[in-house]
Amino acid sequence: MKQTVKAVFLLGLVCLTTAFLFGGGAGEKAPKYPTKPIDMIAPAGAGGGWDLTIRTVAKVLTDTKLVPVPLPVTNKPGGGGGVNLAYMQTKKGADNLIAVYSPPLLLINLNGSSPYSYKNTTPLAALITDYGAFVVAKNSKYTSIAQVMEDLKKDPSSVVIGGTSAVGSMDHIQFLIMARAAGVKDLKKIKYVSFQEGSGPAQVLGGHIHLLSTGLSDVRGLLQSGDLRGLAQTGPERVTTDVLKDIPTCKEQGINEVFRNWRGLFGPPEMPEYAVNYWRKTLAEMVKTPEWDAACKQNGWTKNYMDAPDFMAFLDKTNEDYKAVLGEIGMLKQ
């Protein structure tokens, strides 16, 4: 009998200790969440890939009633995402802010544009993969990416490239990676102009740049209207959605390289555990909805969901991969 009482006492002690260690003890109950609007942030101007992604997420979460509070979208452009990343540092420990990011989150740190990186956020989930696109005005002399690369081989400064990310960030780097694979030398001499307020399409249409390096889904409407001509996409195979299916891959044109534009959601640094758990659960449910399926199909996105732990491992590996690429083209500042 004494042994039974002792065993019960020890078992109870273990349970209390476990509850204390893992936040389940008395007084540790998570607060009701969410109870107020969540600020959904696109770290760039309206109309780009980040803006489209975060607005689509907010709409699907609202339409499916997975989130019971308003999800207003705020645009915080500048610095290839660096302005918002610095802002997020002032919101350490907050539970009411979620931002969308993609490769520039890593690149702006590696190229020296920002002292902050993904390690100064709380990764919540990867959602999709988009691919890069190289587009020109409908009246451009270029009808293939191979023609562009031939001109650059003769004179690396002869073609002006534009993009919505900063110098040394995604739109710039994805083009340089393809140019390197095509055999272009002196990559530093390639002229790149950043239009972070989202005016890239207008700049190429107005003849101020020769080619726009961007996200495939970002210019879908202008491709459908015929105002822009798609020279190449950076995926391993063609995206098969409507007008996008007519754009050949770089691989099809003899450039043996791929660039993937992953996109995911991030909270501020030290986001409370109750909020992190809520968003991990909610986003896992969202990506299974027919509404999300329809949005991905409409925008030509490849679904690529990763929960927070897998996403963090992916970011660690990808950061090392980007280091190698930037080192090869002389743009690594770390």
Protein backbone atom coordinates (compact mmCIF):
# COMPACT_ATOMS: atom_id res chain seq x y z
CA MET A 1 0.00 0.00 0.00
CA LYS A 2 2.83 2.38 0.91
CA GLN A 3 4.53 1.59 -2.41
CA THR A 4 1.30 2.41 -4.30
CA VAL A 5 0.89 5.76 -2.52
CA LYS A 6 4.55 6.57 -3.17
CA ALA A 7 4.19 5.73 -6.90
CA VAL A 8 1.10 7.90 -7.21
CA PHE A 9 2.91 10.76 -5.45
CA LEU A 10 5.93 10.45 -7.75
CA LEU A 11 3.73 10.32 -10.86
CA GLY A 12 1.92 13.47 -9.77
CA LEU A 13 5.23 15.20 -9.11
CA VAL A 14 6.45 14.31 -12.63
CA CYS A 15 3.26 15.66 -14.20
CA LEU A 16 3.49 18.94 -12.27
CA THR A 17 7.15 19.33 -13.22
CA THR A 18 6.40 18.64 -16.89
CA ALA A 19 3.55 21.13 -16.89
CA PHE A 20 5.80 23.77 -15.31
CA LEU A 21 8.62 23.20 -17.79
CA PHE A 22 6.39 23.33 -20.88
CA GLY A 23 4.15 26.22 -19.89
CA GLY A 24 1.11 24.20 -18.79
CA GLY A 25 1.27 25.06 -15.08
CA ALA A 26 -1.12 27.16 -13.07
CA GLY A 27 -1.31 30.73 -14.28
CA GLU A 28 0.25 29.85 -17.65
CA LYS A 29 -2.96 29.62 -19.64
CA ALA A 30 -2.59 31.23 -23.08
CA PRO A 31 -4.65 34.39 -23.58
CA LYS A 32 -7.64 34.43 -25.90
CA TYR A 33 -6.21 35.06 -29.36
CA PRO A 34 -6.72 36.78 -31.70
CA THR A 35 -9.00 39.49 -30.36
CA LYS A 36 -7.85 42.50 -32.43
CA PRO A 37 -6.90 43.15 -36.07
CA ILE A 38 -3.71 41.57 -37.38
CA ASP A 39 -1.55 43.85 -39.50
CA MET A 40 -0.66 41.95 -42.68
CA ILE A 41 2.38 43.59 -44.26
CA ALA A 42 3.67 43.63 -47.82
CA PRO A 43 7.24 45.00 -47.62
CA ALA A 44 6.89 46.59 -51.08
CA GLY A 45 4.51 48.75 -53.06
CA ALA A 46 1.09 47.72 -54.31
CA GLY A 47 0.84 45.37 -57.26
CA GLY A 48 3.94 43.25 -56.77
CA GLY A 49 4.39 39.65 -55.71
CA TRP A 50 4.53 40.31 -51.99
CA ASP A 51 1.43 42.49 -52.18
CA LEU A 52 -0.48 39.88 -54.17
CA THR A 53 0.54 37.08 -51.82
CA ILE A 54 -0.35 38.76 -48.54
CA ARG A 55 -3.65 40.09 -49.91
CA THR A 56 -4.53 36.62 -51.19
CA VAL A 57 -3.72 35.07 -47.80
CA ALA A 58 -5.82 37.67 -46.00
CA LYS A 59 -8.75 37.12 -48.36
CA VAL A 60 -8.68 33.33 -48.10
CA LEU A 61 -8.42 33.44 -44.29
CA THR A 62 -11.35 35.85 -44.17
CA ASP A 63 -13.52 34.07 -46.75
CA THR A 64 -13.04 30.71 -45.03
CA LYS A 65 -13.65 32.27 -41.59
CA LEU A 66 -10.47 30.65 -40.32
CA VAL A 67 -9.52 33.96 -38.68
CA PRO A 68 -12.27 35.88 -36.84
CA VAL A 69 -10.60 39.31 -36.78
CA PRO A 70 -9.91 41.86 -39.55
CA LEU A 71 -6.71 41.39 -41.56
CA PRO A 72 -5.87 44.81 -43.02
CA VAL A 73 -2.97 44.89 -45.47
CA THR A 74 -0.28 47.55 -45.13
CA ASN A 75 2.41 48.31 -47.72
CA LYS A 76 5.83 49.22 -46.27
CA PRO A 77 8.13 49.53 -49.30
CA GLY A 78 11.81 50.35 -49.35
CA GLY A 79 15.22 48.76 -49.25
CA GLY A 80 14.12 45.56 -50.96
CA GLY A 81 12.16 44.67 -47.83
CA GLY A 82 14.75 46.17 -45.48
CA VAL A 83 12.57 49.07 -44.33
CA ASN A 84 9.90 46.73 -43.04
CA LEU A 85 12.47 44.33 -41.60
CA ALA A 86 13.89 47.19 -39.51
CA TYR A 87 10.34 48.13 -38.49
CA MET A 88 9.71 44.57 -37.32
CA GLN A 89 12.60 44.91 -34.88
CA THR A 90 10.61 47.63 -33.08
CA LYS A 91 7.74 45.16 -32.70
CA LYS A 92 9.70 42.49 -30.82
CA GLY A 93 7.30 40.26 -28.91
CA ALA A 94 4.19 41.55 -30.69
CA ASP A 95 1.39 39.16 -31.67
CA ASN A 96 -0.48 41.33 -34.20
CA LEU A 97 1.89 41.56 -37.17
CA ILE A 98 2.62 39.16 -40.03
CA ALA A 99 4.77 39.93 -43.06
CA VAL A 100 5.34 38.08 -46.29
CA TYR A 101 8.89 37.59 -47.54
CA SER A 102 10.81 35.67 -50.16
CA PRO A 103 14.51 35.44 -51.21
CA PRO A 104 15.27 39.16 -50.61
CA LEU A 105 14.86 38.54 -46.88
CA LEU A 106 18.11 36.58 -47.05
CA LEU A 107 19.78 38.45 -49.88
CA ILE A 108 19.59 41.97 -48.41
CA ASN A 109 21.50 40.72 -45.38
CA LEU A 110 24.09 38.77 -47.36
CA ASN A 111 24.74 41.66 -49.74
CA GLY A 112 25.15 44.14 -46.91
CA SER A 113 21.97 46.16 -47.51
CA SER A 114 20.48 45.28 -44.12
CA PRO A 115 21.97 44.20 -40.77
CA TYR A 116 18.89 42.03 -40.24
CA SER A 117 17.92 38.67 -41.73
CA TYR A 118 15.39 35.87 -41.32
CA LYS A 119 17.04 35.16 -37.96
CA ASN A 120 15.58 38.44 -36.73
CA THR A 121 12.00 37.28 -37.41
CA THR A 122 9.75 34.39 -36.40
CA PRO A 123 9.26 32.10 -39.45
CA LEU A 124 5.69 30.72 -39.45
CA ALA A 125 5.23 28.83 -42.73
CA ALA A 126 6.34 28.63 -46.34
CA LEU A 127 3.35 28.77 -48.67
CA ILE A 128 4.22 28.84 -52.37
CA THR A 129 6.88 28.87 -55.00
CA ASP A 130 6.70 31.35 -57.84
CA TYR A 131 9.26 31.69 -60.61
CA GLY A 132 11.09 34.58 -62.14
CA ALA A 133 10.11 36.09 -65.48
CA PHE A 134 12.02 38.21 -67.95
CA VAL A 135 9.66 40.41 -69.95
CA VAL A 136 9.93 43.17 -72.54
CA ALA A 137 7.52 45.64 -74.16
CA LYS A 138 5.48 44.24 -77.02
CA ASN A 139 7.41 46.35 -79.52
CA SER A 140 10.86 45.33 -78.22
CA LYS A 141 13.45 44.05 -80.68
CA TYR A 142 13.99 41.08 -78.37
CA THR A 143 11.93 37.96 -78.97
CA SER A 144 13.99 35.51 -76.89
CA ILE A 145 16.21 35.58 -73.82
CA ALA A 146 18.99 34.10 -75.98
CA GLN A 147 19.08 37.35 -78.00
CA VAL A 148 19.46 39.38 -74.81
CA MET A 149 22.31 37.19 -73.63
CA GLU A 150 24.09 37.47 -76.98
CA ASP A 151 24.05 41.26 -76.74
CA LEU A 152 25.35 41.10 -73.17
CA LYS A 153 28.19 38.82 -74.23
CA LYS A 154 29.27 41.44 -76.74
CA ASP A 155 28.81 44.35 -74.32
CA PRO A 156 27.59 43.72 -70.73
CA SER A 157 26.43 47.33 -70.43
CA SER A 158 24.34 47.35 -73.60
CA VAL A 159 21.06 46.14 -72.05
CA VAL A 160 19.40 47.96 -69.13
CA ILE A 161 17.65 45.58 -66.73
CA GLY A 162 14.99 46.75 -64.27
CA GLY A 163 13.38 45.10 -61.26
CA THR A 164 11.32 45.85 -58.18
CA SER A 165 13.93 44.62 -55.69
CA ALA A 166 17.08 46.42 -54.60
CA VAL A 167 20.46 46.08 -56.24
CA GLY A 168 21.91 42.75 -55.13
CA SER A 169 18.50 41.38 -54.22
CA MET A 170 16.13 38.96 -55.92
CA ASP A 171 15.16 40.47 -59.28
CA HIS A 172 18.75 41.52 -59.85
CA ILE A 173 20.29 38.24 -58.69
CA GLN A 174 17.91 35.98 -60.60
CA PHE A 175 18.91 37.71 -63.83
CA LEU A 176 22.62 37.58 -63.01
CA ILE A 177 22.39 33.88 -62.23
CA MET A 178 20.85 33.24 -65.64
CA ALA A 179 23.35 35.52 -67.38
CA ARG A 180 26.23 33.68 -65.73
CA ALA A 181 24.77 30.34 -66.81
CA ALA A 182 24.43 31.71 -70.37
CA GLY A 183 28.12 32.55 -70.47
CA VAL A 184 27.98 36.32 -69.95
CA LYS A 185 31.19 37.71 -68.42
CA ASP A 186 31.78 40.85 -66.33
CA LEU A 187 28.43 40.56 -64.57
CA LYS A 188 29.15 43.67 -62.51
CA LYS A 189 28.95 45.75 -65.69
CA ILE A 190 25.32 44.78 -66.35
CA LYS A 191 23.14 47.83 -65.73
CA TYR A 192 20.34 47.23 -63.21
CA VAL A 193 17.79 49.83 -62.09
CA SER A 194 15.56 49.29 -59.05
CA PHE A 195 11.93 50.47 -59.07
CA GLN A 196 10.80 49.53 -55.57
CA GLU A 197 7.63 51.60 -55.70
CA GLY A 198 6.25 49.04 -58.16
CA SER A 199 6.65 51.03 -61.38
CA GLY A 200 8.79 48.40 -63.13
CA PRO A 201 6.15 47.43 -65.72
CA ALA A 202 5.52 51.09 -66.56
CA GLN A 203 9.25 51.64 -66.98
CA VAL A 204 9.66 48.83 -69.49
CA LEU A 205 6.50 49.86 -71.32
CA GLY A 206 7.82 53.42 -71.51
CA GLY A 207 11.13 52.32 -72.97
CA HIS A 208 13.19 53.48 -69.98
CA ILE A 209 14.63 49.98 -69.53
CA HIS A 210 15.04 47.17 -72.03
CA LEU A 211 13.96 44.23 -69.89
CA LEU A 212 12.10 43.74 -66.62
CA SER A 213 13.19 40.98 -64.25
CA THR A 214 10.24 40.15 -62.02
CA GLY A 215 7.98 37.43 -60.66
CA LEU A 216 5.99 35.41 -63.16
CA SER A 217 2.65 36.10 -61.49
CA ASP A 218 3.44 39.81 -61.03
CA VAL A 219 3.02 40.61 -64.73
CA ARG A 220 0.35 38.08 -65.63
CA GLY A 221 -2.25 40.74 -66.42
CA LEU A 222 0.04 42.69 -68.76
CA LEU A 223 1.04 39.48 -70.50
CA GLN A 224 -2.63 38.61 -71.01
CA SER A 225 -3.35 42.06 -72.44
CA GLY A 226 -0.42 41.74 -74.83
CA ASP A 227 1.34 44.88 -73.53
CA LEU A 228 4.29 42.80 -72.37
CA ARG A 229 6.03 39.89 -74.07
CA GLY A 230 7.45 37.10 -71.93
CA LEU A 231 10.92 36.01 -73.02
CA ALA A 232 11.59 33.39 -70.37
CA GLN A 233 10.60 31.94 -67.02
CA THR A 234 13.06 30.53 -64.49
CA GLY A 235 11.30 27.33 -63.43
CA PRO A 236 12.41 23.76 -64.15
CA GLU A 237 9.41 23.45 -66.48
CA ARG A 238 6.71 25.77 -67.78
CA VAL A 239 3.92 26.98 -65.55
CA THR A 240 0.84 25.69 -67.33
CA THR A 241 -1.62 28.45 -66.38
CA ASP A 242 -3.32 30.39 -69.24
CA VAL A 243 -0.94 32.86 -70.91
CA LEU A 244 2.00 31.82 -68.73
CA LYS A 245 2.19 28.46 -70.50
CA ASP A 246 3.38 30.22 -73.67
CA ILE A 247 6.54 31.52 -72.00
CA PRO A 248 9.48 29.15 -72.51
CA THR A 249 11.83 28.32 -69.66
CA CYS A 250 15.45 29.43 -69.66
CA LYS A 251 16.36 25.74 -69.88
CA GLU A 252 14.42 25.39 -73.12
CA GLN A 253 16.59 28.16 -74.54
CA GLY A 254 19.91 26.58 -73.62
CA ILE A 255 20.43 28.19 -70.20
CA ASN A 256 20.80 25.29 -67.80
CA GLU A 257 19.71 27.00 -64.59
CA VAL A 258 16.63 27.40 -62.36
CA PHE A 259 15.63 30.11 -59.89
CA ARG A 260 12.81 29.51 -57.40
CA ASN A 261 11.00 32.39 -55.74
CA TRP A 262 9.69 30.89 -52.51
CA ARG A 263 7.29 32.94 -50.39
CA GLY A 264 6.38 32.55 -46.75
CA LEU A 265 4.98 34.32 -43.70
CA PHE A 266 6.94 35.72 -40.77
CA GLY A 267 6.07 37.19 -37.40
CA PRO A 268 8.18 39.74 -35.51
CA PRO A 269 11.14 38.56 -33.46
CA GLU A 270 10.16 36.74 -30.25
CA MET A 271 6.51 36.41 -31.29
CA PRO A 272 4.65 34.86 -28.33
CA GLU A 273 4.33 31.09 -28.38
CA TYR A 274 0.52 31.19 -28.24
CA ALA A 275 0.45 33.33 -31.40
CA VAL A 276 3.00 31.14 -33.19
CA ASN A 277 0.99 28.02 -32.37
CA TYR A 278 -2.23 29.66 -33.56
CA TRP A 279 -0.76 30.68 -36.91
CA ARG A 280 0.96 27.35 -37.49
CA LYS A 281 -2.36 25.56 -36.95
CA THR A 282 -4.40 28.09 -38.95
CA LEU A 283 -2.07 28.21 -41.96
CA ALA A 284 -1.91 24.41 -42.05
CA GLU A 285 -5.70 24.43 -42.36
CA MET A 286 -5.74 27.26 -44.91
CA VAL A 287 -3.51 25.47 -47.43
CA LYS A 288 -5.98 22.56 -47.50
CA THR A 289 -8.97 24.70 -48.49
CA PRO A 290 -10.44 24.80 -52.00
CA GLU A 291 -10.20 28.59 -51.83
CA TRP A 292 -6.41 28.38 -51.50
CA ASP A 293 -6.23 25.81 -54.29
CA ALA A 294 -8.17 28.16 -56.58
CA ALA A 295 -5.96 31.15 -55.70
CA CYS A 296 -2.78 29.22 -56.43
CA LYS A 297 -4.14 28.01 -59.75
CA GLN A 298 -5.31 31.49 -60.74
CA ASN A 299 -1.93 33.07 -59.94
CA GLY A 300 0.22 30.30 -61.38
CA TRP A 301 1.73 29.49 -57.98
CA THR A 302 3.19 26.11 -57.08
CA LYS A 303 1.99 25.07 -53.61
CA ASN A 304 4.98 24.53 -51.33
CA TYR A 305 3.73 24.47 -47.74
CA MET A 306 6.27 23.97 -44.96
CA ASP A 307 5.45 24.22 -41.26
CA ALA A 308 7.70 26.41 -39.10
CA PRO A 309 10.39 23.84 -38.14
CA ASP A 310 10.83 22.60 -41.72
CA PHE A 311 10.71 26.17 -43.01
CA MET A 312 13.47 27.22 -40.62
CA ALA A 313 15.66 24.32 -41.78
CA PHE A 314 14.95 25.30 -45.40
CA LEU A 315 15.95 28.91 -44.68
CA ASP A 316 19.21 27.83 -43.06
CA LYS A 317 20.16 25.74 -46.10
CA THR A 318 18.99 28.33 -48.62
CA ASN A 319 20.96 31.04 -46.86
CA GLU A 320 24.13 29.00 -47.39
CA ASP A 321 23.22 28.43 -51.05
CA TYR A 322 22.75 32.19 -51.60
CA LYS A 323 26.07 32.88 -49.91
CA ALA A 324 27.77 30.71 -52.50
CA VAL A 325 26.00 32.43 -55.41
CA LEU A 326 26.73 35.95 -54.17
CA GLY A 327 30.33 34.98 -53.51
CA GLU A 328 30.73 33.77 -57.08
CA ILE A 329 29.51 37.05 -58.54
CA GLY A 330 31.41 39.23 -56.07
CA MET A 331 28.41 40.59 -54.14
CA LEU A 332 28.79 38.82 -50.77
CA LYS A 333 29.41 41.41 -48.07
CA GLN A 334 29.60 39.12 -45.04
